[in-house]
PDB file of N, CA and C in Angstrom:
ATOM      1  N   MET A   1      -0.758 -31.468  65.112  1.00  0.00           N
ATOM      2  CA  MET A   1      -1.247 -31.324  64.014  1.00  0.00           C
ATOM      3  C   MET A   1      -0.692 -30.001  63.073  1.00  0.00           C
ATOM      4  N   TRP A   2       0.100 -29.372  63.642  1.00  0.00           N
ATOM      5  CA  TRP A   2      -0.017 -28.105  62.537  1.00  0.00           C
ATOM      6  C   TRP A   2       1.183 -28.968  61.136  1.00  0.00           C
ATOM      7  N   TRP A   3       1.584 -29.862  61.529  1.00  0.00           N
ATOM      8  CA  TRP A   3       2.466 -30.873  60.224  1.00  0.00           C
ATOM      9  C   TRP A   3       1.469 -31.487  59.215  1.00  0.00           C
ATOM     10  N   ILE A   4       0.403 -31.477  59.691  1.00  0.00           N
ATOM     11  CA  ILE A   4      -1.116 -31.547  57.964  1.00  0.00           C
ATOM     12  C   ILE A   4      -1.473 -30.324  57.711  1.00  0.00           C
ATOM     13  N   GLY A   5      -0.961 -29.365  58.263  1.00  0.00           N
ATOM     14  CA  GLY A   5      -1.183 -28.061  56.971  1.00  0.00           C
ATOM     15  C   GLY A   5       0.004 -27.544  55.854  1.00  0.00           C
ATOM     16  N   ASN A   6       1.160 -27.973  56.815  1.00  0.00           N
ATOM     17  CA  ASN A   6       2.149 -27.917  56.106  1.00  0.00           C
ATOM     18  C   ASN A   6       2.331 -28.880  55.184  1.00  0.00           C
ATOM     19  N   VAL A   7       2.239 -29.970  55.202  1.00  0.00           N
ATOM     20  CA  VAL A   7       1.988 -31.154  54.362  1.00  0.00           C
ATOM     21  C   VAL A   7       0.714 -30.779  52.907  1.00  0.00           C
ATOM     22  N   ILE A   8      -0.047 -30.444  53.449  1.00  0.00           N
ATOM     23  CA  ILE A   8      -1.022 -29.969  52.355  1.00  0.00           C
ATOM     24  C   ILE A   8      -0.430 -28.366  51.476  1.00  0.00           C
ATOM     25  N   LEU A   9       0.308 -27.503  52.343  1.00  0.00           N
ATOM     26  CA  LEU A   9       0.725 -26.735  51.597  1.00  0.00           C
ATOM     27  C   LEU A   9       2.273 -26.935  50.610  1.00  0.00           C
ATOM     28  N   VAL A  10       2.481 -27.708  51.058  1.00  0.00           N
ATOM     29  CA  VAL A  10       3.878 -28.105  50.167  1.00  0.00           C
ATOM     30  C   VAL A  10       3.216 -29.463  49.063  1.00  0.00           C
ATOM     31  N   VAL A  11       2.261 -29.980  49.097  1.00  0.00           N
ATOM     32  CA  VAL A  11       1.602 -31.166  47.993  1.00  0.00           C
ATOM     33  C   VAL A  11       0.727 -30.270  47.474  1.00  0.00           C
ATOM     34  N   VAL A  12       0.002 -29.819  47.911  1.00  0.00           N
ATOM     35  CA  VAL A  12      -1.421 -28.900  46.952  1.00  0.00           C
ATOM     36  C   VAL A  12      -1.054 -27.587  46.620  1.00  0.00           C
ATOM     37  N   VAL A  13      -0.479 -26.534  47.711  1.00  0.00           N
ATOM     38  CA  VAL A  13      -0.455 -25.426  46.898  1.00  0.00           C
ATOM     39  C   VAL A  13       0.531 -24.431  46.573  1.00  0.00           C
ATOM     40  N   VAL A  14       1.956 -25.145  46.782  1.00  0.00           N
ATOM     41  CA  VAL A  14       2.876 -24.568  46.006  1.00  0.00           C
ATOM     42  C   VAL A  14       2.641 -25.374  44.666  1.00  0.00           C
ATOM     43  N   PRO A  15       2.778 -26.578  44.241  1.00  0.00           N
ATOM     44  CA  PRO A  15       2.605 -27.194  42.574  1.00  0.00           C
ATOM     45  C   PRO A  15       1.182 -25.912  41.964  1.00  0.00           C
ATOM     46  N   VAL A  16       0.123 -25.714  42.488  1.00  0.00           N
ATOM     47  CA  VAL A  16      -0.585 -24.607  42.301  1.00  0.00           C
ATOM     48  C   VAL A  16       0.053 -23.413  41.723  1.00  0.00           C
ATOM     49  N   LEU A  17       0.999 -23.055  42.735  1.00  0.00           N
ATOM     50  CA  LEU A  17       1.490 -21.200  42.743  1.00  0.00           C
ATOM     51  C   LEU A  17       2.583 -21.550  41.130  1.00  0.00           C
ATOM     52  N   VAL A  18       3.186 -22.820  41.633  1.00  0.00           N
ATOM     53  CA  VAL A  18       4.306 -22.889  40.233  1.00  0.00           C
ATOM     54  C   VAL A  18       3.819 -22.842  38.857  1.00  0.00           C
ATOM     55  N   ALA A  19       2.193 -24.035  39.181  1.00  0.00           N
ATOM     56  CA  ALA A  19       1.856 -23.471  37.435  1.00  0.00           C
ATOM     57  C   ALA A  19       1.310 -22.386  37.364  1.00  0.00           C
ATOM     58  N   LEU A  20       0.756 -21.632  37.819  1.00  0.00           N
ATOM     59  CA  LEU A  20       0.425 -20.473  37.741  1.00  0.00           C
ATOM     60  C   LEU A  20       1.408 -19.422  37.396  1.00  0.00           C
ATOM     61  N   LEU A  21       2.474 -19.343  37.685  1.00  0.00           N
ATOM     62  CA  LEU A  21       3.820 -18.309  37.426  1.00  0.00           C
ATOM     63  C   LEU A  21       3.659 -18.878  36.373  1.00  0.00           C
ATOM     64  N   ASN A  22       4.002 -20.275  35.780  1.00  0.00           N
ATOM     65  CA  ASN A  22       4.890 -20.771  34.905  1.00  0.00           C
ATOM     66  C   ASN A  22       3.397 -20.085  33.897  1.00  0.00           C
ATOM     67  N   ARG A  23       2.260 -20.190  33.749  1.00  0.00           N
ATOM     68  CA  ARG A  23       1.414 -20.095  32.631  1.00  0.00           C
ATOM     69  C   ARG A  23       1.792 -18.199  32.148  1.00  0.00           C
ATOM     70  N   VAL A  24       2.154 -17.191  33.800  1.00  0.00           N
ATOM     71  CA  VAL A  24       2.567 -15.724  33.729  1.00  0.00           C
ATOM     72  C   VAL A  24       3.344 -15.512  33.092  1.00  0.00           C
ATOM     73  N   LEU A  25       4.417 -16.308  33.337  1.00  0.00           N
ATOM     74  CA  LEU A  25       5.741 -16.414  32.583  1.00  0.00           C
ATOM     75  C   LEU A  25       5.695 -16.494  31.039  1.00  0.00           C
ATOM     76  N   ALA A  26       5.145 -17.473  30.646  1.00  0.00           N
ATOM     77  CA  ALA A  26       4.293 -18.262  29.524  1.00  0.00           C
ATOM     78  C   ALA A  26       3.495 -16.498  28.331  1.00  0.00           C
ATOM     79  N   ALA A  27       2.922 -16.496  29.331  1.00  0.00           N
ATOM     80  CA  ALA A  27       2.305 -15.013  28.955  1.00  0.00           C
ATOM     81  C   ALA A  27       3.236 -13.689  28.436  1.00  0.00           C
ATOM     82  N   LEU A  28       3.905 -13.413  29.391  1.00  0.00           N
ATOM     83  CA  LEU A  28       5.304 -12.565  29.372  1.00  0.00           C
ATOM     84  C   LEU A  28       5.868 -12.948  28.118  1.00  0.00           C
ATOM     85  N   GLU A  29       6.651 -13.615  28.199  1.00  0.00           N
ATOM     86  CA  GLU A  29       7.220 -14.130  27.049  1.00  0.00           C
ATOM     87  C   GLU A  29       6.814 -13.709  25.877  1.00  0.00           C
ATOM     88  N   ARG A  30       5.577 -14.203  25.583  1.00  0.00           N
ATOM     89  CA  ARG A  30       4.554 -14.242  24.166  1.00  0.00           C
ATOM     90  C   ARG A  30       4.626 -12.575  23.750  1.00  0.00           C
ATOM     91  N   ILE A  31       4.378 -12.232  25.000  1.00  0.00           N
ATOM     92  CA  ILE A  31       4.165 -10.354  24.981  1.00  0.00           C
ATOM     93  C   ILE A  31       5.431  -9.791  24.581  1.00  0.00           C
ATOM     94  N   ARG A  32       6.548 -10.044  24.832  1.00  0.00           N
ATOM     95  CA  ARG A  32       8.080  -9.703  24.380  1.00  0.00           C
ATOM     96  C   ARG A  32       8.099 -10.028  23.259  1.00  0.00           C
ATOM     97  N   ALA A  33       7.961 -11.049  22.561  1.00  0.00           N
ATOM     98  CA  ALA A  33       8.045 -11.815  21.057  1.00  0.00           C
ATOM     99  C   ALA A  33       7.586 -10.416  20.438  1.00  0.00           C
ATOM    100  N   ALA A  34       6.112 -10.205  21.113  1.00  0.00           N
ATOM    101  CA  ALA A  34       4.919  -9.605  19.758  1.00  0.00           C
ATOM    102  C   ALA A  34       5.900  -7.740  19.899  1.00  0.00           C
ATOM    103  N   ALA A  35       6.441  -7.646  21.123  1.00  0.00           N
ATOM    104  CA  ALA A  35       6.812  -6.199  21.406  1.00  0.00           C
ATOM    105  C   ALA A  35       8.115  -6.111  20.209  1.00  0.00           C
ATOM    106  N   ASP A  36       9.154  -7.152  20.693  1.00  0.00           N
ATOM    107  CA  ASP A  36      10.158  -7.396  19.849  1.00  0.00           C
ATOM    108  C   ASP A  36       9.709  -6.946  18.315  1.00  0.00           C
ATOM    109  N   ASP A  37       9.075  -7.769  17.478  1.00  0.00           N
ATOM    110  CA  ASP A  37       8.409  -7.497  16.300  1.00  0.00           C
ATOM    111  C   ASP A  37       7.802  -6.465  15.962  1.00  0.00           C
ATOM    112  N   VAL A  38       7.431  -5.909  16.854  1.00  0.00           N
ATOM    113  CA  VAL A  38       6.112  -4.714  16.469  1.00  0.00           C
ATOM    114  C   VAL A  38       7.720  -3.717  16.415  1.00  0.00           C
ATOM    115  N   LEU A  39       9.108  -3.718  17.481  1.00  0.00           N
ATOM    116  CA  LEU A  39       9.594  -2.672  17.092  1.00  0.00           C
ATOM    117  C   LEU A  39      10.643  -3.422  16.115  1.00  0.00           C
ATOM    118  N   ALA A  40      10.627  -4.041  15.511  1.00  0.00           N
ATOM    119  CA  ALA A  40      11.476  -4.389  13.993  1.00  0.00           C
ATOM    120  C   ALA A  40      11.040  -3.857  12.798  1.00  0.00           C
ATOM    121  N   GLY A  41       9.383  -4.179  13.217  1.00  0.00           N
ATOM    122  CA  GLY A  41       9.003  -3.344  11.662  1.00  0.00           C
ATOM    123  C   GLY A  41       8.978  -2.019  11.911  1.00  0.00           C
ATOM    124  N   GLY A  42       8.993  -1.246  13.686  1.00  0.00           N
ATOM    125  CA  GLY A  42       8.892  -0.179  13.285  1.00  0.00           C
ATOM    126  C   GLY A  42      10.070   0.832  12.941  1.00  0.00           C
ATOM    127  N   LEU A  43      11.068   0.031  13.078  1.00  0.00           N
ATOM    128  CA  LEU A  43      13.019   0.396  12.420  1.00  0.00           C
ATOM    129  C   LEU A  43      12.685   0.427  11.282  1.00  0.00           C
ATOM    130  N   ALA A  44      11.939  -1.269  10.653  1.00  0.00           N
ATOM    131  CA  ALA A  44      12.113  -1.304   9.281  1.00  0.00           C
ATOM    132  C   ALA A  44      11.417  -0.152   8.120  1.00  0.00           C
ATOM    133  N   LEU A  45      10.166   0.738   8.858  1.00  0.00           N
ATOM    134  CA  LEU A  45       9.288   1.978   8.343  1.00  0.00           C
ATOM    135  C   LEU A  45      10.244   3.209   8.480  1.00  0.00           C
ATOM    136  N   ILE A  46      11.401   3.031   9.464  1.00  0.00           N
ATOM    137  CA  ILE A  46      11.946   4.684   9.355  1.00  0.00           C
ATOM    138  C   ILE A  46      12.715   4.990   8.187  1.00  0.00           C
ATOM    139  N   ASP A  47      13.367   3.738   7.308  1.00  0.00           N
ATOM    140  CA  ASP A  47      13.872   3.804   6.289  1.00  0.00           C
ATOM    141  C   ASP A  47      12.685   4.937   5.277  1.00  0.00           C
ATOM    142  N   GLU A  48      11.858   3.995   5.162  1.00  0.00           N
ATOM    143  CA  GLU A  48      10.378   4.535   4.191  1.00  0.00           C
ATOM    144  C   GLU A  48      10.092   6.231   4.825  1.00  0.00           C
ATOM    145  N   VAL A  49      10.034   6.170   5.729  1.00  0.00           N
ATOM    146  CA  VAL A  49       9.256   7.551   6.535  1.00  0.00           C
ATOM    147  C   VAL A  49      10.505   8.764   6.368  1.00  0.00           C
ATOM    148  N   ASP A  50      11.900   8.125   6.306  1.00  0.00           N
ATOM    149  CA  ASP A  50      12.643   9.585   6.053  1.00  0.00           C
ATOM    150  C   ASP A  50      12.960  10.239   4.378  1.00  0.00           C
ATOM    151  N   THR A  51      12.250   9.878   3.416  1.00  0.00           N
ATOM    152  CA  THR A  51      12.098  10.087   1.839  1.00  0.00           C
ATOM    153  C   THR A  51      10.447  10.866   1.825  1.00  0.00           C
ATOM    154  N   THR A  52       9.977  10.896   3.550  1.00  0.00           N
ATOM    155  CA  THR A  52       8.585  11.430   3.094  1.00  0.00           C
ATOM    156  C   THR A  52       8.494  13.338   2.243  1.00  0.00           C
ATOM    157  N   PRO A  53       9.606  14.052   2.897  1.00  0.00           N
ATOM    158  CA  PRO A  53       9.218  15.380   2.285  1.00  0.00           C
ATOM    159  C   PRO A  53      10.175  15.275   0.797  1.00  0.00           C
ATOM    160  N   GLU A  54      11.062  14.339   0.428  1.00  0.00           N
ATOM    161  CA  GLU A  54      10.992  14.346  -0.944  1.00  0.00           C
ATOM    162  C   GLU A  54       9.975  13.957  -1.835  1.00  0.00           C
ATOM    163  N   LEU A  55       8.864  12.664  -1.381  1.00  0.00           N
ATOM    164  CA  LEU A  55       7.938  12.169  -2.342  1.00  0.00           C
ATOM    165  C   LEU A  55       6.277  13.429  -1.894  1.00  0.00           C
ATOM    166  N   LEU A  56       6.670  14.065  -0.954  1.00  0.00           N
ATOM    167  CA  LEU A  56       5.286  15.101  -1.015  1.00  0.00           C
ATOM    168  C   LEU A  56       6.106  16.318  -1.933  1.00  0.00           C
ATOM    169  N   ALA A  57       7.324  16.395  -1.914  1.00  0.00           N
ATOM    170  CA  ALA A  57       7.284  17.650  -2.779  1.00  0.00           C
ATOM    171  C   ALA A  57       7.357  17.018  -4.607  1.00  0.00           C
ATOM    172  N   ARG A  58       7.534  15.571  -4.410  1.00  0.00           N
ATOM    173  CA  ARG A  58       7.252  15.151  -5.830  1.00  0.00           C
ATOM    174  C   ARG A  58       6.102  15.447  -6.600  1.00  0.00           C
ATOM    175  N   THR A  59       5.144  15.060  -5.110  1.00  0.00           N
ATOM    176  CA  THR A  59       3.636  14.573  -5.380  1.00  0.00           C
ATOM    177  C   THR A  59       3.251  16.033  -5.934  1.00  0.00           C
ATOM    178  N   ASP A  60       3.455  17.450  -4.923  1.00  0.00           N
ATOM    179  CA  ASP A  60       2.845  18.872  -5.380  1.00  0.00           C
ATOM    180  C   ASP A  60       3.434  18.979  -6.964  1.00  0.00           C
ATOM    181  N   GLN A  61       4.347  18.826  -7.424  1.00  0.00           N
ATOM    182  CA  GLN A  61       5.242  18.987  -8.561  1.00  0.00           C
ATOM    183  C   GLN A  61       4.354  18.388  -9.574  1.00  0.00           C
ATOM    184  N   THR A  62       3.726  17.145  -9.480  1.00  0.00           N
ATOM    185  CA  THR A  62       3.034  16.681  -9.833  1.00  0.00           C
ATOM    186  C   THR A  62       1.399  17.176 -10.380  1.00  0.00           C
ATOM    187  N   ILE A  63       1.225  17.705  -9.489  1.00  0.00           N
ATOM    188  CA  ILE A  63      -0.446  18.322  -9.361  1.00  0.00           C
ATOM    189  C   ILE A  63       0.050  19.432  -9.857  1.00  0.00           C
ATOM    190  N   ALA A  64       0.685  20.320 -10.032  1.00  0.00           N
ATOM    191  CA  ALA A  64       0.674  21.431 -10.373  1.00  0.00           C
ATOM    192  C   ALA A  64       1.003  21.331 -11.925  1.00  0.00           C
ATOM    193  N   GLU A  65       1.670  20.021 -12.350  1.00  0.00           N
ATOM    194  CA  GLU A  65       1.349  19.671 -13.715  1.00  0.00           C
ATOM    195  C   GLU A  65       0.611  19.350 -14.253  1.00  0.00           C
ATOM    196  N   VAL A  66      -0.606  18.376 -13.598  1.00  0.00           N
ATOM    197  CA  VAL A  66      -1.859  18.013 -14.240  1.00  0.00           C
ATOM    198  C   VAL A  66      -2.777  18.982 -13.900  1.00  0.00           C
ATOM    199  N   ALA A  67      -2.653  19.775 -12.726  1.00  0.00           N
ATOM    200  CA  ALA A  67      -3.314  21.277 -13.288  1.00  0.00           C
ATOM    201  C   ALA A  67      -3.418  22.085 -14.372  1.00  0.00           C
ATOM    202  N   ASP A  68      -2.137  22.283 -14.559  1.00  0.00           N
ATOM    203  CA  ASP A  68      -1.497  23.186 -15.815  1.00  0.00           C
ATOM    204  C   ASP A  68      -2.114  22.343 -17.307  1.00  0.00           C
ATOM    205  N   GLY A  69      -2.062  20.868 -17.525  1.00  0.00           N
ATOM    206  CA  GLY A  69      -2.699  20.558 -18.433  1.00  0.00           C
ATOM    207  C   GLY A  69      -4.240  20.687 -18.398  1.00  0.00           C
ATOM    208  N   ALA A  70      -4.764  20.193 -17.061  1.00  0.00           N
ATOM    209  CA  ALA A  70      -6.405  20.277 -17.137  1.00  0.00           C
ATOM    210  C   ALA A  70      -6.681  21.808 -17.441  1.00  0.00           C
ATOM    211  N   VAL A  71      -5.892  22.959 -17.097  1.00  0.00           N
ATOM    212  CA  VAL A  71      -6.735  24.389 -17.428  1.00  0.00           C
ATOM    213  C   VAL A  71      -6.189  24.583 -19.011  1.00  0.00           C
ATOM    214  N   ARG A  72      -5.260  24.031 -19.544  1.00  0.00           N
ATOM    215  CA  ARG A  72      -4.999  24.239 -21.206  1.00  0.00           C
ATOM    216  C   ARG A  72      -6.303  23.140 -21.853  1.00  0.00           C
ATOM    217  N   TYR A  73      -6.140  22.072 -21.248  1.00  0.00           N
ATOM    218  CA  TYR A  73      -7.438  21.792 -22.112  1.00  0.00           C
ATOM    219  C   TYR A  73      -8.787  22.021 -21.919  1.00  0.00           C
ATOM    220  N   ALA A  74      -9.138  22.210 -20.598  1.00  0.00           N
ATOM    221  CA  ALA A  74     -10.223  23.206 -20.242  1.00  0.00           C
ATOM    222  C   ALA A  74     -10.392  24.598 -21.449  1.00  0.00           C
ATOM    223  N   GLY A  75      -9.133  25.013 -21.636  1.00  0.00           N
ATOM    224  CA  GLY A  75      -9.355  25.957 -22.574  1.00  0.00           C
ATOM    225  C   GLY A  75      -9.658  25.881 -23.740  1.00  0.00           C
ATOM    226  N   SER A  76      -8.546  24.846 -24.635  1.00  0.00           N
ATOM    227  CA  SER A  76      -8.956  24.230 -25.159  1.00  0.00           C
ATOM    228  C   SER A  76     -10.803  24.012 -26.311  1.00  0.00           C
ATOM    229  N   VAL A  77     -11.415  23.258 -24.941  1.00  0.00           N
ATOM    230  CA  VAL A  77     -12.579  22.498 -24.849  1.00  0.00           C
ATOM    231  C   VAL A  77     -13.605  23.418 -25.248  1.00  0.00           C
ATOM    232  N   GLY A  78     -13.527  24.681 -24.441  1.00  0.00           N
ATOM    233  CA  GLY A  78     -14.451  25.648 -24.238  1.00  0.00           C
ATOM    234  C   GLY A  78     -13.985  26.700 -25.474  1.00  0.00           C
ATOM    235  N   LYS A  79     -13.108  26.859 -26.369  1.00  0.00           N
ATOM    236  CA  LYS A  79     -12.925  27.344 -27.314  1.00  0.00           C
ATOM    237  C   LYS A  79     -13.759  26.614 -28.861  1.00  0.00           C
ATOM    238  N   LEU A  80     -13.725  25.006 -28.377  1.00  0.00           N
ATOM    239  CA  LEU A  80     -14.319  24.520 -29.427  1.00  0.00           C
ATOM    240  C   LEU A  80     -15.588  24.388 -29.200  1.00  0.00           C
ATOM    241  N   LEU A  81     -16.042  24.252 -27.893  1.00  0.00           N
ATOM    242  CA  LEU A  81     -17.683  24.873 -27.908  1.00  0.00           C
ATOM    243  C   LEU A  81     -18.532  26.142 -28.101  1.00  0.00           C
ATOM    244  N   ASN A  82     -17.723  27.406 -28.077  1.00  0.00           N
ATOM    245  CA  ASN A  82     -17.921  28.642 -28.053  1.00  0.00           C
ATOM    246  C   ASN A  82     -18.602  29.060 -29.634  1.00  0.00           C
TER     247      ASN A  82
END
């Protein structure tokens, strides 16, 4: 009678386990592909981030130039209004 249990195990349980394992492995492959895409994108951004200090220095210089022009403009407008 124990052979009935073995048959049920082989015919029912093993295919179900194989199907579940297949689904888990497929999901794992999709996660791995997404992680590889994220890594590739991050590596591509490194070149953009390396120039950040120079860009910040240029921004500070531009802000200073605009501030000087605004002060001169406000002084001229102030003279005209007085």
